[in-house]
């Protein structure tokens, strides 16, 4: 990564873990020596309502504390949001990356959104149901983010995420293992152009 600040916007619904994903991703980047910011956008959130979270990552201290207007990457945890929210707003069609949780192919999403930039898809909901037992697509989407951008090594992400999950779910090894497997599967299964 150059001196540039790498910016990410997460779109999800309340309860899908967009805030948690941004925090886990940010903390994993921090563990590799990067400077980070991870923050949600608060409003009248409730279960199922559209929410956003953000990350900034840099090799240098980050002095900007404003909102993210032109992200490098946008992740969409719920494909139904593309009908409600302009998920590509501010995303550069030349350099930007869009990653969507959907069983659809990348070309289907590209046409649906009329977006000319890089599009990646991964069925994070299906992966999370099989690995975690619930439709919580946040951790698989982190795996897809790492694969699509190369922002960090998958092993670095897995190692740090494992530590965070072990601290929180010490007595629930199935949750730890399920989330780690979800990240690894999405990393392998993400499709994109």
C-alpha atoms as a PDB file:
ATOM      1  CA  UNK A   1       0.000   0.000   0.000  1.00  0.00           C
ATOM      2  CA  UNK A   2       1.286   3.444  -0.919  1.00  0.00           C
ATOM      3  CA  UNK A   3       0.942   6.659   1.081  1.00  0.00           C
ATOM      4  CA  UNK A   4      -2.680   6.840  -0.040  1.00  0.00           C
ATOM      5  CA  UNK A   5      -5.440   6.328   2.489  1.00  0.00           C
ATOM      6  CA  UNK A   6      -7.514   3.269   1.533  1.00  0.00           C
ATOM      7  CA  UNK A   7     -11.219   3.906   2.199  1.00  0.00           C
ATOM      8  CA  UNK A   8     -14.029   1.361   2.501  1.00  0.00           C
ATOM      9  CA  UNK A   9     -17.801   1.779   2.809  1.00  0.00           C
ATOM     10  CA  UNK A  10     -19.940  -1.089   4.098  1.00  0.00           C
ATOM     11  CA  UNK A  11     -23.685  -1.224   3.323  1.00  0.00           C
ATOM     12  CA  UNK A  12     -25.865  -3.575   5.329  1.00  0.00           C
ATOM     13  CA  UNK A  13     -29.026  -3.838   7.330  1.00  0.00           C
ATOM     14  CA  UNK A  14     -29.226  -3.530  11.094  1.00  0.00           C
ATOM     15  CA  UNK A  15     -28.294  -6.910  12.557  1.00  0.00           C
ATOM     16  CA  UNK A  16     -26.167  -8.142   9.628  1.00  0.00           C
ATOM     17  CA  UNK A  17     -22.908  -7.076  11.228  1.00  0.00           C
ATOM     18  CA  UNK A  18     -21.657  -4.243   8.984  1.00  0.00           C
ATOM     19  CA  UNK A  19     -20.321  -2.410  12.038  1.00  0.00           C
ATOM     20  CA  UNK A  20     -18.668  -5.566  13.386  1.00  0.00           C
ATOM     21  CA  UNK A  21     -17.123  -6.315   9.984  1.00  0.00           C
ATOM     22  CA  UNK A  22     -15.619  -2.825   9.779  1.00  0.00           C
ATOM     23  CA  UNK A  23     -14.215  -3.187  13.305  1.00  0.00           C
ATOM     24  CA  UNK A  24     -12.770  -6.675  12.689  1.00  0.00           C
ATOM     25  CA  UNK A  25     -11.230  -5.609   9.387  1.00  0.00           C
ATOM     26  CA  UNK A  26      -9.816  -2.423  10.935  1.00  0.00           C
ATOM     27  CA  UNK A  27      -8.348  -4.254  13.913  1.00  0.00           C
ATOM     28  CA  UNK A  28      -6.754  -6.851  11.626  1.00  0.00           C
ATOM     29  CA  UNK A  29      -5.144  -4.046   9.594  1.00  0.00           C
ATOM     30  CA  UNK A  30      -3.980  -2.400  12.833  1.00  0.00           C
ATOM     31  CA  UNK A  31      -2.291  -5.651  13.880  1.00  0.00           C
ATOM     32  CA  UNK A  32      -0.154  -5.472  10.703  1.00  0.00           C
ATOM     33  CA  UNK A  33       1.164  -2.032  11.654  1.00  0.00           C
ATOM     34  CA  UNK A  34      -1.283   0.087   9.648  1.00  0.00           C
ATOM     35  CA  UNK A  35      -3.088   3.159  10.905  1.00  0.00           C
ATOM     36  CA  UNK A  36      -6.839   2.670  10.870  1.00  0.00           C
ATOM     37  CA  UNK A  37     -10.251   4.161  11.428  1.00  0.00           C
ATOM     38  CA  UNK A  38     -13.392   2.055  11.728  1.00  0.00           C
ATOM     39  CA  UNK A  39     -16.694   3.780  12.392  1.00  0.00           C
ATOM     40  CA  UNK A  40     -20.429   3.404  11.771  1.00  0.00           C
ATOM     41  CA  UNK A  41     -22.828   6.059  10.565  1.00  0.00           C
ATOM     42  CA  UNK A  42     -25.508   6.374  13.189  1.00  0.00           C
ATOM     43  CA  UNK A  43     -29.081   7.324  12.570  1.00  0.00           C
ATOM     44  CA  UNK A  44     -32.431   5.856  13.556  1.00  0.00           C
ATOM     45  CA  UNK A  45     -31.120   2.277  13.158  1.00  0.00           C
ATOM     46  CA  UNK A  46     -33.314  -0.667  13.899  1.00  0.00           C
ATOM     47  CA  UNK A  47     -33.171  -4.307  12.944  1.00  0.00           C
ATOM     48  CA  UNK A  48     -33.384  -4.544   9.156  1.00  0.00           C
ATOM     49  CA  UNK A  49     -32.920  -0.830   8.447  1.00  0.00           C
ATOM     50  CA  UNK A  50     -30.154   0.230   6.025  1.00  0.00           C
ATOM     51  CA  UNK A  51     -26.893   1.050   7.836  1.00  0.00           C
ATOM     52  CA  UNK A  52     -23.378   2.047   6.813  1.00  0.00           C
ATOM     53  CA  UNK A  53     -19.949   1.556   8.343  1.00  0.00           C
ATOM     54  CA  UNK A  54     -16.563   2.760   7.175  1.00  0.00           C
ATOM     55  CA  UNK A  55     -12.826   2.069   7.274  1.00  0.00           C
ATOM     56  CA  UNK A  56      -9.746   4.090   6.536  1.00  0.00           C
ATOM     57  CA  UNK A  57      -6.374   2.344   6.377  1.00  0.00           C
ATOM     58  CA  UNK A  58      -2.985   3.916   5.777  1.00  0.00           C
ATOM     59  CA  UNK A  59       0.733   3.449   6.309  1.00  0.00           C
ATOM     60  CA  UNK A  60       0.805   6.980   7.775  1.00  0.00           C
ATOM     61  CA  UNK A  61      -1.236   8.578  10.576  1.00  0.00           C
ATOM     62  CA  UNK A  62      -4.743   9.457   9.381  1.00  0.00           C
ATOM     63  CA  UNK A  63      -5.618  13.068  10.027  1.00  0.00           C
ATOM     64  CA  UNK A  64      -8.947  13.130   8.174  1.00  0.00           C
ATOM     65  CA  UNK A  65     -11.933  12.531  10.465  1.00  0.00           C
ATOM     66  CA  UNK A  66     -14.728  13.438   8.063  1.00  0.00           C
ATOM     67  CA  UNK A  67     -17.148  11.055   6.393  1.00  0.00           C
ATOM     68  CA  UNK A  68     -16.055   8.958   3.438  1.00  0.00           C
ATOM     69  CA  UNK A  69     -17.396  10.406   0.187  1.00  0.00           C
ATOM     70  CA  UNK A  70     -15.271   8.582  -2.409  1.00  0.00           C
ATOM     71  CA  UNK A  71     -14.475   5.076  -1.177  1.00  0.00           C
ATOM     72  CA  UNK A  72     -12.005   2.786  -2.917  1.00  0.00           C
ATOM     73  CA  UNK A  73     -14.211  -0.204  -2.107  1.00  0.00           C
ATOM     74  CA  UNK A  74     -17.903  -0.638  -1.373  1.00  0.00           C
ATOM     75  CA  UNK A  75     -19.240  -3.846   0.184  1.00  0.00           C
ATOM     76  CA  UNK A  76     -22.961  -4.652   0.080  1.00  0.00           C
ATOM     77  CA  UNK A  77     -24.040  -7.222   2.672  1.00  0.00           C
ATOM     78  CA  UNK A  78     -27.630  -7.387   1.407  1.00  0.00           C
ATOM     79  CA  UNK A  79     -28.301  -7.334  -2.344  1.00  0.00           C
ATOM     80  CA  UNK A  80     -31.814  -5.922  -1.803  1.00  0.00           C
ATOM     81  CA  UNK A  81     -30.161  -2.653  -0.756  1.00  0.00           C
ATOM     82  CA  UNK A  82     -29.215  -1.943  -4.380  1.00  0.00           C
ATOM     83  CA  UNK A  83     -32.888  -1.042  -4.959  1.00  0.00           C
ATOM     84  CA  UNK A  84     -33.000   1.273  -1.912  1.00  0.00           C
ATOM     85  CA  UNK A  85     -29.576   2.886  -1.663  1.00  0.00           C
ATOM     86  CA  UNK A  86     -27.171   4.283  -4.247  1.00  0.00           C
ATOM     87  CA  UNK A  87     -24.405   1.843  -3.284  1.00  0.00           C
ATOM     88  CA  UNK A  88     -22.078   3.075  -6.052  1.00  0.00           C
ATOM     89  CA  UNK A  89     -22.297   6.742  -5.006  1.00  0.00           C
ATOM     90  CA  UNK A  90     -18.798   8.231  -5.020  1.00  0.00           C
ATOM     91  CA  UNK A  91     -17.205   4.992  -6.254  1.00  0.00           C
ATOM     92  CA  UNK A  92     -14.768   5.653  -9.118  1.00  0.00           C
ATOM     93  CA  UNK A  93     -15.731   3.447 -12.105  1.00  0.00           C
ATOM     94  CA  UNK A  94     -12.069   3.417 -13.207  1.00  0.00           C
ATOM     95  CA  UNK A  95     -10.450   2.343  -9.933  1.00  0.00           C
ATOM     96  CA  UNK A  96     -13.267   1.467  -7.529  1.00  0.00           C
ATOM     97  CA  UNK A  97     -14.223  -2.021  -6.387  1.00  0.00           C
ATOM     98  CA  UNK A  98     -17.789  -3.150  -5.631  1.00  0.00           C
ATOM     99  CA  UNK A  99     -18.304  -6.408  -3.702  1.00  0.00           C
ATOM    100  CA  UNK A 100     -21.858  -7.732  -3.354  1.00  0.00           C
ATOM    101  CA  UNK A 101     -23.271 -10.584  -1.288  1.00  0.00           C
ATOM    102  CA  UNK A 102     -25.377 -12.385  -3.887  1.00  0.00           C
ATOM    103  CA  UNK A 103     -25.650 -15.687  -5.736  1.00  0.00           C
ATOM    104  CA  UNK A 104     -25.884 -13.630  -8.956  1.00  0.00           C
ATOM    105  CA  UNK A 105     -22.976 -13.366 -11.371  1.00  0.00           C
ATOM    106  CA  UNK A 106     -20.874 -10.217 -11.549  1.00  0.00           C
ATOM    107  CA  UNK A 107     -22.293  -9.241 -14.953  1.00  0.00           C
ATOM    108  CA  UNK A 108     -25.852  -9.406 -13.578  1.00  0.00           C
ATOM    109  CA  UNK A 109     -24.934  -6.962 -10.806  1.00  0.00           C
ATOM    110  CA  UNK A 110     -22.991  -4.724 -13.196  1.00  0.00           C
ATOM    111  CA  UNK A 111     -26.042  -4.451 -15.477  1.00  0.00           C
ATOM    112  CA  UNK A 112     -28.493  -4.009 -12.605  1.00  0.00           C
ATOM    113  CA  UNK A 113     -26.474  -1.078 -11.245  1.00  0.00           C
ATOM    114  CA  UNK A 114     -25.164   0.196 -14.579  1.00  0.00           C
ATOM    115  CA  UNK A 115     -21.714   0.262 -12.981  1.00  0.00           C
ATOM    116  CA  UNK A 116     -18.684   0.042 -15.279  1.00  0.00           C
ATOM    117  CA  UNK A 117     -16.002  -0.609 -12.633  1.00  0.00           C
ATOM    118  CA  UNK A 118     -14.741  -3.788 -11.003  1.00  0.00           C
ATOM    119  CA  UNK A 119     -17.517  -5.934  -9.555  1.00  0.00           C
ATOM    120  CA  UNK A 120     -17.085  -8.979  -7.331  1.00  0.00           C
ATOM    121  CA  UNK A 121     -19.802 -11.285  -6.045  1.00  0.00           C
ATOM    122  CA  UNK A 122     -19.831 -13.920  -3.347  1.00  0.00           C
ATOM    123  CA  UNK A 123     -22.772 -15.782  -1.827  1.00  0.00           C
ATOM    124  CA  UNK A 124     -21.813 -14.775   1.713  1.00  0.00           C
ATOM    125  CA  UNK A 125     -25.295 -15.554   3.060  1.00  0.00           C
ATOM    126  CA  UNK A 126     -25.094 -19.146   1.820  1.00  0.00           C
ATOM    127  CA  UNK A 127     -21.550 -19.500   3.171  1.00  0.00           C
ATOM    128  CA  UNK A 128     -22.529 -18.134   6.590  1.00  0.00           C
ATOM    129  CA  UNK A 129     -25.564 -20.428   6.825  1.00  0.00           C
ATOM    130  CA  UNK A 130     -23.342 -23.436   6.123  1.00  0.00           C
ATOM    131  CA  UNK A 131     -20.418 -22.450   8.344  1.00  0.00           C
ATOM    132  CA  UNK A 132     -21.994 -20.420  11.157  1.00  0.00           C
ATOM    133  CA  UNK A 133     -25.549 -21.752  11.030  1.00  0.00           C
ATOM    134  CA  UNK A 134     -27.121 -18.314  10.498  1.00  0.00           C
ATOM    135  CA  UNK A 135     -27.401 -15.725   7.749  1.00  0.00           C
ATOM    136  CA  UNK A 136     -24.782 -13.302   9.056  1.00  0.00           C
ATOM    137  CA  UNK A 137     -22.730 -12.372   5.979  1.00  0.00           C
ATOM    138  CA  UNK A 138     -20.255  -9.994   7.624  1.00  0.00           C
ATOM    139  CA  UNK A 139     -17.244 -12.259   8.195  1.00  0.00           C
ATOM    140  CA  UNK A 140     -17.417 -13.924   4.768  1.00  0.00           C
ATOM    141  CA  UNK A 141     -17.498 -10.454   3.201  1.00  0.00           C
ATOM    142  CA  UNK A 142     -14.198  -9.628   4.929  1.00  0.00           C
ATOM    143  CA  UNK A 143     -12.649 -12.652   3.205  1.00  0.00           C
ATOM    144  CA  UNK A 144     -14.003 -11.440  -0.145  1.00  0.00           C
ATOM    145  CA  UNK A 145     -12.603  -7.952   0.545  1.00  0.00           C
ATOM    146  CA  UNK A 146      -9.113  -9.338   1.177  1.00  0.00           C
ATOM    147  CA  UNK A 147      -9.186 -11.419  -2.005  1.00  0.00           C
ATOM    148  CA  UNK A 148     -10.560  -8.630  -4.213  1.00  0.00           C
ATOM    149  CA  UNK A 149      -8.137  -5.958  -3.000  1.00  0.00           C
ATOM    150  CA  UNK A 150      -5.034  -7.713  -1.688  1.00  0.00           C
ATOM    151  CA  UNK A 151      -4.986  -5.049   1.060  1.00  0.00           C
ATOM    152  CA  UNK A 152      -3.537  -7.618   3.467  1.00  0.00           C
ATOM    153  CA  UNK A 153      -2.644 -11.292   3.561  1.00  0.00           C
ATOM    154  CA  UNK A 154      -5.421 -13.751   4.360  1.00  0.00           C
ATOM    155  CA  UNK A 155      -3.241 -15.377   7.036  1.00  0.00           C
ATOM    156  CA  UNK A 156      -2.853 -12.024   8.821  1.00  0.00           C
ATOM    157  CA  UNK A 157      -6.615 -11.537   8.790  1.00  0.00           C
ATOM    158  CA  UNK A 158      -7.330 -15.078  10.028  1.00  0.00           C
ATOM    159  CA  UNK A 159      -4.759 -14.835  12.826  1.00  0.00           C
ATOM    160  CA  UNK A 160      -6.058 -11.523  14.182  1.00  0.00           C
ATOM    161  CA  UNK A 161      -9.732 -12.418  13.769  1.00  0.00           C
ATOM    162  CA  UNK A 162      -9.163 -15.703  15.591  1.00  0.00           C
ATOM    163  CA  UNK A 163      -7.682 -13.814  18.567  1.00  0.00           C
ATOM    164  CA  UNK A 164     -10.629 -11.391  18.648  1.00  0.00           C
ATOM    165  CA  UNK A 165     -13.213 -14.182  18.405  1.00  0.00           C
ATOM    166  CA  UNK A 166     -11.451 -16.305  21.036  1.00  0.00           C
ATOM    167  CA  UNK A 167     -11.598 -13.385  23.469  1.00  0.00           C
ATOM    168  CA  UNK A 168     -15.313 -12.894  22.866  1.00  0.00           C
ATOM    169  CA  UNK A 169     -16.487 -16.493  22.361  1.00  0.00           C
ATOM    170  CA  UNK A 170     -14.068 -18.374  24.609  1.00  0.00           C
ATOM    171  CA  UNK A 171     -16.654 -21.022  25.493  1.00  0.00           C
ATOM    172  CA  UNK A 172     -18.176 -21.295  22.004  1.00  0.00           C
ATOM    173  CA  UNK A 173     -15.511 -22.834  19.749  1.00  0.00           C
ATOM    174  CA  UNK A 174     -18.095 -23.581  17.067  1.00  0.00           C
ATOM    175  CA  UNK A 175     -18.680 -19.841  16.562  1.00  0.00           C
ATOM    176  CA  UNK A 176     -14.947 -19.186  16.278  1.00  0.00           C
ATOM    177  CA  UNK A 177     -14.371 -22.032  13.834  1.00  0.00           C
ATOM    178  CA  UNK A 178     -17.516 -21.231  11.839  1.00  0.00           C
ATOM    179  CA  UNK A 179     -16.510 -17.600  11.312  1.00  0.00           C
ATOM    180  CA  UNK A 180     -12.935 -18.470  10.371  1.00  0.00           C
ATOM    181  CA  UNK A 181     -14.190 -21.070   7.879  1.00  0.00           C
ATOM    182  CA  UNK A 182     -16.634 -18.505   6.466  1.00  0.00           C
ATOM    183  CA  UNK A 183     -13.791 -16.047   5.840  1.00  0.00           C
ATOM    184  CA  UNK A 184     -11.643 -18.709   4.164  1.00  0.00           C
ATOM    185  CA  UNK A 185     -14.493 -19.966   1.961  1.00  0.00           C
ATOM    186  CA  UNK A 186     -15.479 -16.502   0.771  1.00  0.00           C
ATOM    187  CA  UNK A 187     -11.831 -15.745   0.017  1.00  0.00           C
ATOM    188  CA  UNK A 188     -11.780 -18.821  -2.233  1.00  0.00           C
ATOM    189  CA  UNK A 189     -15.268 -18.463  -3.722  1.00  0.00           C
ATOM    190  CA  UNK A 190     -15.466 -14.748  -4.548  1.00  0.00           C
ATOM    191  CA  UNK A 191     -15.885 -14.127  -8.284  1.00  0.00           C
ATOM    192  CA  UNK A 192     -15.019 -10.946 -10.058  1.00  0.00           C
ATOM    193  CA  UNK A 193     -13.854  -8.942 -13.005  1.00  0.00           C
END
